[in-house]
């Protein structure tokens, strides 16, 4: 049985166009974190794409009837994201 989440297949890396995949960092630990991470980065590493990673809890209430490009930027040591509807 395939687990599907509302954001599955709807989020894309602005750097390479790859889809973002749901991952669980530190599974089972008190600091477990759910993130969406660039599939190109996961499969091929930093030489293929610098990757985009966004924590699930900071995703805004996006309309998942549409696809979204996620652009990640750092400012003052914090990650900031811009969500653009993919046409």
PDB file of N, CA and C in Angstrom:
ATOM      1  N   UNK A   1       0.829  -1.186   0.000  1.00  0.00           N
ATOM      2  CA  UNK A   1       0.000   0.000   0.000  1.00  0.00           C
ATOM      3  C   UNK A   1       0.875   1.252   0.000  1.00  0.00           C
ATOM      4  N   UNK A   2       0.644   2.124  -0.956  1.00  0.00           N
ATOM      5  CA  UNK A   2       1.394   3.365  -1.066  1.00  0.00           C
ATOM      6  C   UNK A   2       0.794   4.427  -0.164  1.00  0.00           C
ATOM      7  N   UNK A   3       1.622   5.057   0.629  1.00  0.00           N
ATOM      8  CA  UNK A   3       1.158   6.180   1.441  1.00  0.00           C
ATOM      9  C   UNK A   3       1.224   7.417   0.570  1.00  0.00           C
ATOM     10  N   UNK A   4       0.175   8.184   0.561  1.00  0.00           N
ATOM     11  CA  UNK A   4       0.154   9.434  -0.188  1.00  0.00           C
ATOM     12  C   UNK A   4      -0.233  10.557   0.761  1.00  0.00           C
ATOM     13  N   UNK A   5       0.367  11.681   0.558  1.00  0.00           N
ATOM     14  CA  UNK A   5       0.104  12.861   1.361  1.00  0.00           C
ATOM     15  C   UNK A   5      -0.415  13.948   0.429  1.00  0.00           C
ATOM     16  N   UNK A   6      -1.168  14.904   0.924  1.00  0.00           N
ATOM     17  CA  UNK A   6      -1.716  15.937   0.039  1.00  0.00           C
ATOM     18  C   UNK A   6      -0.649  16.634  -0.817  1.00  0.00           C
ATOM     19  N   UNK A   7       0.558  16.792  -0.282  1.00  0.00           N
ATOM     20  CA  UNK A   7       1.616  17.494  -1.005  1.00  0.00           C
ATOM     21  C   UNK A   7       2.391  16.588  -1.971  1.00  0.00           C
ATOM     22  N   UNK A   8       2.179  15.271  -1.918  1.00  0.00           N
ATOM     23  CA  UNK A   8       2.903  14.345  -2.801  1.00  0.00           C
ATOM     24  C   UNK A   8       2.661  14.696  -4.264  1.00  0.00           C
ATOM     25  N   UNK A   9       3.754  14.860  -5.013  1.00  0.00           N
ATOM     26  CA  UNK A   9       3.663  15.167  -6.433  1.00  0.00           C
ATOM     27  C   UNK A   9       3.239  16.590  -6.733  1.00  0.00           C
ATOM     28  N   UNK A  10       3.185  17.442  -5.719  1.00  0.00           N
ATOM     29  CA  UNK A  10       2.716  18.821  -5.902  1.00  0.00           C
ATOM     30  C   UNK A  10       3.792  19.870  -5.634  1.00  0.00           C
ATOM     31  N   UNK A  11       4.942  19.466  -5.083  1.00  0.00           N
ATOM     32  CA  UNK A  11       6.004  20.401  -4.723  1.00  0.00           C
ATOM     33  C   UNK A  11       7.241  20.119  -5.567  1.00  0.00           C
ATOM     34  N   UNK A  12       7.869  21.201  -6.086  1.00  0.00           N
ATOM     35  CA  UNK A  12       9.011  21.042  -6.980  1.00  0.00           C
ATOM     36  C   UNK A  12      10.135  21.998  -6.609  1.00  0.00           C
ATOM     37  N   UNK A  13      11.361  21.542  -6.829  1.00  0.00           N
ATOM     38  CA  UNK A  13      12.572  22.308  -6.566  1.00  0.00           C
ATOM     39  C   UNK A  13      12.742  23.387  -7.635  1.00  0.00           C
ATOM     40  N   UNK A  14      12.949  24.631  -7.217  1.00  0.00           N
ATOM     41  CA  UNK A  14      13.134  25.716  -8.182  1.00  0.00           C
ATOM     42  C   UNK A  14      14.516  25.664  -8.824  1.00  0.00           C
ATOM     43  N   UNK A  15      15.445  24.903  -8.254  1.00  0.00           N
ATOM     44  CA  UNK A  15      16.811  24.844  -8.776  1.00  0.00           C
ATOM     45  C   UNK A  15      16.952  23.871  -9.943  1.00  0.00           C
ATOM     46  N   UNK A  16      16.237  22.729  -9.867  1.00  0.00           N
ATOM     47  CA  UNK A  16      16.385  21.714 -10.920  1.00  0.00           C
ATOM     48  C   UNK A  16      15.059  21.235 -11.502  1.00  0.00           C
ATOM     49  N   UNK A  17      13.953  21.582 -10.857  1.00  0.00           N
ATOM     50  CA  UNK A  17      12.645  21.142 -11.335  1.00  0.00           C
ATOM     51  C   UNK A  17      12.220  19.785 -10.815  1.00  0.00           C
ATOM     52  N   UNK A  18      13.100  19.131 -10.035  1.00  0.00           N
ATOM     53  CA  UNK A  18      12.769  17.822  -9.472  1.00  0.00           C
ATOM     54  C   UNK A  18      11.664  17.914  -8.437  1.00  0.00           C
ATOM     55  N   UNK A  19      10.932  16.830  -8.270  1.00  0.00           N
ATOM     56  CA  UNK A  19       9.865  16.830  -7.272  1.00  0.00           C
ATOM     57  C   UNK A  19      10.457  16.736  -5.872  1.00  0.00           C
ATOM     58  N   UNK A  20       9.739  17.279  -4.910  1.00  0.00           N
ATOM     59  CA  UNK A  20      10.155  17.167  -3.514  1.00  0.00           C
ATOM     60  C   UNK A  20       9.497  15.928  -2.920  1.00  0.00           C
ATOM     61  N   UNK A  21      10.286  15.152  -2.207  1.00  0.00           N
ATOM     62  CA  UNK A  21       9.828  13.909  -1.590  1.00  0.00           C
ATOM     63  C   UNK A  21       9.748  14.086  -0.080  1.00  0.00           C
ATOM     64  N   UNK A  22       8.751  13.461   0.507  1.00  0.00           N
ATOM     65  CA  UNK A  22       8.573  13.512   1.962  1.00  0.00           C
ATOM     66  C   UNK A  22       9.597  12.586   2.614  1.00  0.00           C
ATOM     67  N   UNK A  23      10.281  13.107   3.622  1.00  0.00           N
ATOM     68  CA  UNK A  23      11.263  12.318   4.368  1.00  0.00           C
ATOM     69  C   UNK A  23      11.090  12.604   5.853  1.00  0.00           C
ATOM     70  N   UNK A  24      11.499  11.647   6.658  1.00  0.00           N
ATOM     71  CA  UNK A  24      11.463  11.823   8.108  1.00  0.00           C
ATOM     72  C   UNK A  24      12.902  11.804   8.603  1.00  0.00           C
ATOM     73  N   UNK A  25      13.337  12.912   9.167  1.00  0.00           N
ATOM     74  CA  UNK A  25      14.670  12.994   9.749  1.00  0.00           C
ATOM     75  C   UNK A  25      14.571  12.631  11.222  1.00  0.00           C
ATOM     76  N   UNK A  26      15.528  11.846  11.714  1.00  0.00           N
ATOM     77  CA  UNK A  26      15.611  11.454  13.130  1.00  0.00           C
ATOM     78  C   UNK A  26      14.358  10.721  13.591  1.00  0.00           C
ATOM     79  N   UNK A  27      13.916   9.779  12.770  1.00  0.00           N
ATOM     80  CA  UNK A  27      12.684   9.034  13.046  1.00  0.00           C
ATOM     81  C   UNK A  27      12.724   8.372  14.421  1.00  0.00           C
ATOM     82  N   UNK A  28      11.631   8.529  15.157  1.00  0.00           N
ATOM     83  CA  UNK A  28      11.492   7.897  16.461  1.00  0.00           C
ATOM     84  C   UNK A  28      12.129   8.653  17.609  1.00  0.00           C
ATOM     85  N   UNK A  29      12.812   9.728  17.297  1.00  0.00           N
ATOM     86  CA  UNK A  29      13.454  10.515  18.343  1.00  0.00           C
ATOM     87  C   UNK A  29      12.554  11.702  18.697  1.00  0.00           C
ATOM     88  N   UNK A  30      12.797  12.300  19.830  1.00  0.00           N
ATOM     89  CA  UNK A  30      11.957  13.414  20.282  1.00  0.00           C
ATOM     90  C   UNK A  30      12.062  14.618  19.345  1.00  0.00           C
ATOM     91  N   UNK A  31      13.138  14.693  18.568  1.00  0.00           N
ATOM     92  CA  UNK A  31      13.336  15.817  17.646  1.00  0.00           C
ATOM     93  C   UNK A  31      13.092  15.396  16.183  1.00  0.00           C
ATOM     94  N   UNK A  32      12.253  14.362  16.002  1.00  0.00           N
ATOM     95  CA  UNK A  32      11.877  13.913  14.664  1.00  0.00           C
ATOM     96  C   UNK A  32      11.296  15.087  13.867  1.00  0.00           C
ATOM     97  N   UNK A  33      11.700  15.194  12.601  1.00  0.00           N
ATOM     98  CA  UNK A  33      11.254  16.286  11.751  1.00  0.00           C
ATOM     99  C   UNK A  33      10.819  15.731  10.401  1.00  0.00           C
ATOM    100  N   UNK A  34       9.659  16.167   9.924  1.00  0.00           N
ATOM    101  CA  UNK A  34       9.191  15.786   8.597  1.00  0.00           C
ATOM    102  C   UNK A  34       9.551  16.916   7.646  1.00  0.00           C
ATOM    103  N   UNK A  35      10.234  16.565   6.553  1.00  0.00           N
ATOM    104  CA  UNK A  35      10.652  17.553   5.561  1.00  0.00           C
ATOM    105  C   UNK A  35      10.261  17.073   4.169  1.00  0.00           C
ATOM    106  N   UNK A  36      10.256  18.010   3.235  1.00  0.00           N
ATOM    107  CA  UNK A  36      10.101  17.728   1.815  1.00  0.00           C
ATOM    108  C   UNK A  36      11.412  18.143   1.176  1.00  0.00           C
ATOM    109  N   UNK A  37      12.067  17.176   0.488  1.00  0.00           N
ATOM    110  CA  UNK A  37      13.414  17.407  -0.019  1.00  0.00           C
ATOM    111  C   UNK A  37      13.503  17.037  -1.495  1.00  0.00           C
ATOM    112  N   UNK A  38      14.321  17.768  -2.230  1.00  0.00           N
ATOM    113  CA  UNK A  38      14.496  17.570  -3.666  1.00  0.00           C
ATOM    114  C   UNK A  38      14.912  16.130  -3.976  1.00  0.00           C
ATOM    115  N   UNK A  39      14.173  15.488  -4.870  1.00  0.00           N
ATOM    116  CA  UNK A  39      14.462  14.094  -5.221  1.00  0.00           C
ATOM    117  C   UNK A  39      15.772  13.966  -5.996  1.00  0.00           C
ATOM    118  N   UNK A  40      16.131  14.971  -6.796  1.00  0.00           N
ATOM    119  CA  UNK A  40      17.403  14.936  -7.531  1.00  0.00           C
ATOM    120  C   UNK A  40      18.554  14.942  -6.545  1.00  0.00           C
ATOM    121  N   UNK A  41      18.484  15.805  -5.543  1.00  0.00           N
ATOM    122  CA  UNK A  41      19.506  15.878  -4.501  1.00  0.00           C
ATOM    123  C   UNK A  41      19.597  14.548  -3.742  1.00  0.00           C
ATOM    124  N   UNK A  42      18.454  13.966  -3.408  1.00  0.00           N
ATOM    125  CA  UNK A  42      18.429  12.697  -2.673  1.00  0.00           C
ATOM    126  C   UNK A  42      19.120  11.597  -3.477  1.00  0.00           C
ATOM    127  N   UNK A  43      18.786  11.499  -4.761  1.00  0.00           N
ATOM    128  CA  UNK A  43      19.271  10.398  -5.598  1.00  0.00           C
ATOM    129  C   UNK A  43      20.678  10.615  -6.149  1.00  0.00           C
ATOM    130  N   UNK A  44      21.017  11.865  -6.498  1.00  0.00           N
ATOM    131  CA  UNK A  44      22.274  12.103  -7.211  1.00  0.00           C
ATOM    132  C   UNK A  44      23.273  12.978  -6.468  1.00  0.00           C
ATOM    133  N   UNK A  45      22.844  13.566  -5.360  1.00  0.00           N
ATOM    134  CA  UNK A  45      23.750  14.354  -4.546  1.00  0.00           C
ATOM    135  C   UNK A  45      23.882  15.804  -4.969  1.00  0.00           C
ATOM    136  N   UNK A  46      24.736  16.498  -4.234  1.00  0.00           N
ATOM    137  CA  UNK A  46      24.900  17.947  -4.407  1.00  0.00           C
ATOM    138  C   UNK A  46      25.491  18.318  -5.765  1.00  0.00           C
ATOM    139  N   UNK A  47      26.217  17.394  -6.400  1.00  0.00           N
ATOM    140  CA  UNK A  47      26.788  17.711  -7.710  1.00  0.00           C
ATOM    141  C   UNK A  47      25.692  17.846  -8.766  1.00  0.00           C
ATOM    142  N   UNK A  48      24.529  17.244  -8.541  1.00  0.00           N
ATOM    143  CA  UNK A  48      23.415  17.328  -9.495  1.00  0.00           C
ATOM    144  C   UNK A  48      22.480  18.495  -9.168  1.00  0.00           C
ATOM    145  N   UNK A  49      22.304  18.800  -7.881  1.00  0.00           N
ATOM    146  CA  UNK A  49      21.423  19.899  -7.457  1.00  0.00           C
ATOM    147  C   UNK A  49      21.773  20.272  -6.025  1.00  0.00           C
ATOM    148  N   UNK A  50      21.806  21.570  -5.749  1.00  0.00           N
ATOM    149  CA  UNK A  50      22.047  22.025  -4.370  1.00  0.00           C
ATOM    150  C   UNK A  50      20.894  21.644  -3.455  1.00  0.00           C
ATOM    151  N   UNK A  51      19.759  21.332  -4.056  1.00  0.00           N
ATOM    152  CA  UNK A  51      18.609  20.842  -3.307  1.00  0.00           C
ATOM    153  C   UNK A  51      17.791  21.936  -2.644  1.00  0.00           C
ATOM    154  N   UNK A  52      16.542  21.610  -2.442  1.00  0.00           N
ATOM    155  CA  UNK A  52      15.609  22.442  -1.686  1.00  0.00           C
ATOM    156  C   UNK A  52      15.018  21.542  -0.616  1.00  0.00           C
ATOM    157  N   UNK A  53      14.990  22.025   0.605  1.00  0.00           N
ATOM    158  CA  UNK A  53      14.400  21.284   1.709  1.00  0.00           C
ATOM    159  C   UNK A  53      13.505  22.234   2.485  1.00  0.00           C
ATOM    160  N   UNK A  54      12.288  21.817   2.713  1.00  0.00           N
ATOM    161  CA  UNK A  54      11.345  22.638   3.477  1.00  0.00           C
ATOM    162  C   UNK A  54      10.678  21.757   4.524  1.00  0.00           C
ATOM    163  N   UNK A  55      10.609  22.257   5.744  1.00  0.00           N
ATOM    164  CA  UNK A  55       9.951  21.504   6.809  1.00  0.00           C
ATOM    165  C   UNK A  55       8.448  21.484   6.568  1.00  0.00           C
ATOM    166  N   UNK A  56       7.854  20.341   6.791  1.00  0.00           N
ATOM    167  CA  UNK A  56       6.420  20.160   6.586  1.00  0.00           C
ATOM    168  C   UNK A  56       5.612  21.173   7.395  1.00  0.00           C
ATOM    169  N   UNK A  57       6.057  21.447   8.618  1.00  0.00           N
ATOM    170  CA  UNK A  57       5.285  22.318   9.501  1.00  0.00           C
ATOM    171  C   UNK A  57       5.285  23.778   9.053  1.00  0.00           C
ATOM    172  N   UNK A  58       6.203  24.172   8.163  1.00  0.00           N
ATOM    173  CA  UNK A  58       6.210  25.562   7.697  1.00  0.00           C
ATOM    174  C   UNK A  58       5.559  25.728   6.330  1.00  0.00           C
ATOM    175  N   UNK A  59       5.065  24.629   5.747  1.00  0.00           N
ATOM    176  CA  UNK A  59       4.337  24.762   4.489  1.00  0.00           C
ATOM    177  C   UNK A  59       3.074  25.577   4.757  1.00  0.00           C
ATOM    178  N   UNK A  60       2.856  26.598   3.957  1.00  0.00           N
ATOM    179  CA  UNK A  60       1.614  27.352   4.150  1.00  0.00           C
ATOM    180  C   UNK A  60       0.429  26.512   3.685  1.00  0.00           C
ATOM    181  N   UNK A  61      -0.728  27.008   3.873  1.00  0.00           N
ATOM    182  CA  UNK A  61      -1.925  26.300   3.419  1.00  0.00           C
ATOM    183  C   UNK A  61      -2.036  26.457   1.912  1.00  0.00           C
ATOM    184  N   UNK A  62      -1.293  25.626   1.198  1.00  0.00           N
ATOM    185  CA  UNK A  62      -1.305  25.673  -0.269  1.00  0.00           C
ATOM    186  C   UNK A  62      -2.487  24.876  -0.796  1.00  0.00           C
ATOM    187  N   UNK A  63      -2.983  25.265  -1.929  1.00  0.00           N
ATOM    188  CA  UNK A  63      -4.042  24.528  -2.608  1.00  0.00           C
ATOM    189  C   UNK A  63      -3.367  23.388  -3.366  1.00  0.00           C
ATOM    190  N   UNK A  64      -3.477  22.170  -2.856  1.00  0.00           N
ATOM    191  CA  UNK A  64      -2.788  21.037  -3.465  1.00  0.00           C
ATOM    192  C   UNK A  64      -3.529  20.470  -4.673  1.00  0.00           C
ATOM    193  N   UNK A  65      -4.509  21.227  -5.185  1.00  0.00           N
ATOM    194  CA  UNK A  65      -5.074  20.907  -6.490  1.00  0.00           C
ATOM    195  C   UNK A  65      -4.149  21.441  -7.580  1.00  0.00           C
ATOM    196  N   UNK A  66      -3.117  22.202  -7.163  1.00  0.00           N
ATOM    197  CA  UNK A  66      -2.138  22.782  -8.077  1.00  0.00           C
ATOM    198  C   UNK A  66      -0.750  22.318  -7.693  1.00  0.00           C
ATOM    199  N   UNK A  67       0.211  22.501  -8.604  1.00  0.00           N
ATOM    200  CA  UNK A  67       1.605  22.185  -8.336  1.00  0.00           C
ATOM    201  C   UNK A  67       2.333  23.482  -7.999  1.00  0.00           C
ATOM    202  N   UNK A  68       3.379  23.373  -7.166  1.00  0.00           N
ATOM    203  CA  UNK A  68       4.087  24.540  -6.660  1.00  0.00           C
ATOM    204  C   UNK A  68       5.596  24.398  -6.802  1.00  0.00           C
ATOM    205  N   UNK A  69       6.257  25.459  -7.277  1.00  0.00           N
ATOM    206  CA  UNK A  69       7.716  25.556  -7.262  1.00  0.00           C
ATOM    207  C   UNK A  69       8.078  26.211  -5.937  1.00  0.00           C
ATOM    208  N   UNK A  70       9.058  25.643  -5.263  1.00  0.00           N
ATOM    209  CA  UNK A  70       9.487  26.206  -3.981  1.00  0.00           C
ATOM    210  C   UNK A  70      10.906  26.728  -4.136  1.00  0.00           C
ATOM    211  N   UNK A  71      11.050  28.013  -3.872  1.00  0.00           N
ATOM    212  CA  UNK A  71      12.358  28.649  -3.918  1.00  0.00           C
ATOM    213  C   UNK A  71      12.802  28.902  -2.485  1.00  0.00           C
ATOM    214  N   UNK A  72      13.982  28.401  -2.157  1.00  0.00           N
ATOM    215  CA  UNK A  72      14.519  28.512  -0.795  1.00  0.00           C
ATOM    216  C   UNK A  72      15.637  29.546  -0.785  1.00  0.00           C
ATOM    217  N   UNK A  73      15.627  30.423   0.198  1.00  0.00           N
ATOM    218  CA  UNK A  73      16.686  31.423   0.346  1.00  0.00           C
ATOM    219  C   UNK A  73      16.987  31.603   1.826  1.00  0.00           C
ATOM    220  N   UNK A  74      18.232  31.979   2.115  1.00  0.00           N
ATOM    221  CA  UNK A  74      18.622  32.259   3.499  1.00  0.00           C
ATOM    222  C   UNK A  74      18.803  33.759   3.667  1.00  0.00           C
ATOM    223  N   UNK A  75      18.295  34.268   4.761  1.00  0.00           N
ATOM    224  CA  UNK A  75      18.491  35.672   5.109  1.00  0.00           C
ATOM    225  C   UNK A  75      18.635  35.755   6.614  1.00  0.00           C
ATOM    226  N   UNK A  76      19.695  36.391   7.048  1.00  0.00           N
ATOM    227  CA  UNK A  76      19.976  36.536   8.487  1.00  0.00           C
ATOM    228  C   UNK A  76      19.998  35.190   9.205  1.00  0.00           C
ATOM    229  N   UNK A  77      20.541  34.158   8.531  1.00  0.00           N
ATOM    230  CA  UNK A  77      20.674  32.835   9.133  1.00  0.00           C
ATOM    231  C   UNK A  77      19.399  32.014   9.183  1.00  0.00           C
ATOM    232  N   UNK A  78      18.311  32.527   8.589  1.00  0.00           N
ATOM    233  CA  UNK A  78      17.043  31.800   8.592  1.00  0.00           C
ATOM    234  C   UNK A  78      16.627  31.452   7.167  1.00  0.00           C
ATOM    235  N   UNK A  79      15.945  30.316   7.032  1.00  0.00           N
ATOM    236  CA  UNK A  79      15.420  29.924   5.727  1.00  0.00           C
ATOM    237  C   UNK A  79      14.103  30.639   5.456  1.00  0.00           C
ATOM    238  N   UNK A  80      13.964  31.096   4.228  1.00  0.00           N
ATOM    239  CA  UNK A  80      12.731  31.727   3.772  1.00  0.00           C
ATOM    240  C   UNK A  80      12.338  31.057   2.463  1.00  0.00           C
ATOM    241  N   UNK A  81      11.047  30.992   2.191  1.00  0.00           N
ATOM    242  CA  UNK A  81      10.549  30.270   1.022  1.00  0.00           C
ATOM    243  C   UNK A  81       9.576  31.128   0.225  1.00  0.00           C
ATOM    244  N   UNK A  82       9.642  30.946  -1.084  1.00  0.00           N
ATOM    245  CA  UNK A  82       8.658  31.575  -1.968  1.00  0.00           C
ATOM    246  C   UNK A  82       7.984  30.452  -2.738  1.00  0.00           C
ATOM    247  N   UNK A  83       6.666  30.481  -2.780  1.00  0.00           N
ATOM    248  CA  UNK A  83       5.873  29.450  -3.421  1.00  0.00           C
ATOM    249  C   UNK A  83       5.223  30.064  -4.661  1.00  0.00           C
ATOM    250  N   UNK A  84       5.540  29.491  -5.818  1.00  0.00           N
ATOM    251  CA  UNK A  84       4.994  29.971  -7.073  1.00  0.00           C
ATOM    252  C   UNK A  84       4.226  28.840  -7.732  1.00  0.00           C
ATOM    253  N   UNK A  85       3.030  29.128  -8.158  1.00  0.00           N
ATOM    254  CA  UNK A  85       2.219  28.103  -8.824  1.00  0.00           C
ATOM    255  C   UNK A  85       2.879  27.683 -10.116  1.00  0.00           C
ATOM    256  N   UNK A  86       3.031  26.377 -10.279  1.00  0.00           N
ATOM    257  CA  UNK A  86       3.646  25.815 -11.485  1.00  0.00           C
ATOM    258  C   UNK A  86       2.568  25.635 -12.539  1.00  0.00           C
ATOM    259  N   UNK A  87       2.795  26.199 -13.692  1.00  0.00           N
ATOM    260  CA  UNK A  87       1.801  26.100 -14.784  1.00  0.00           C
ATOM    261  C   UNK A  87       2.159  24.994 -15.731  1.00  0.00           C
TER     262      UNK A  87
END
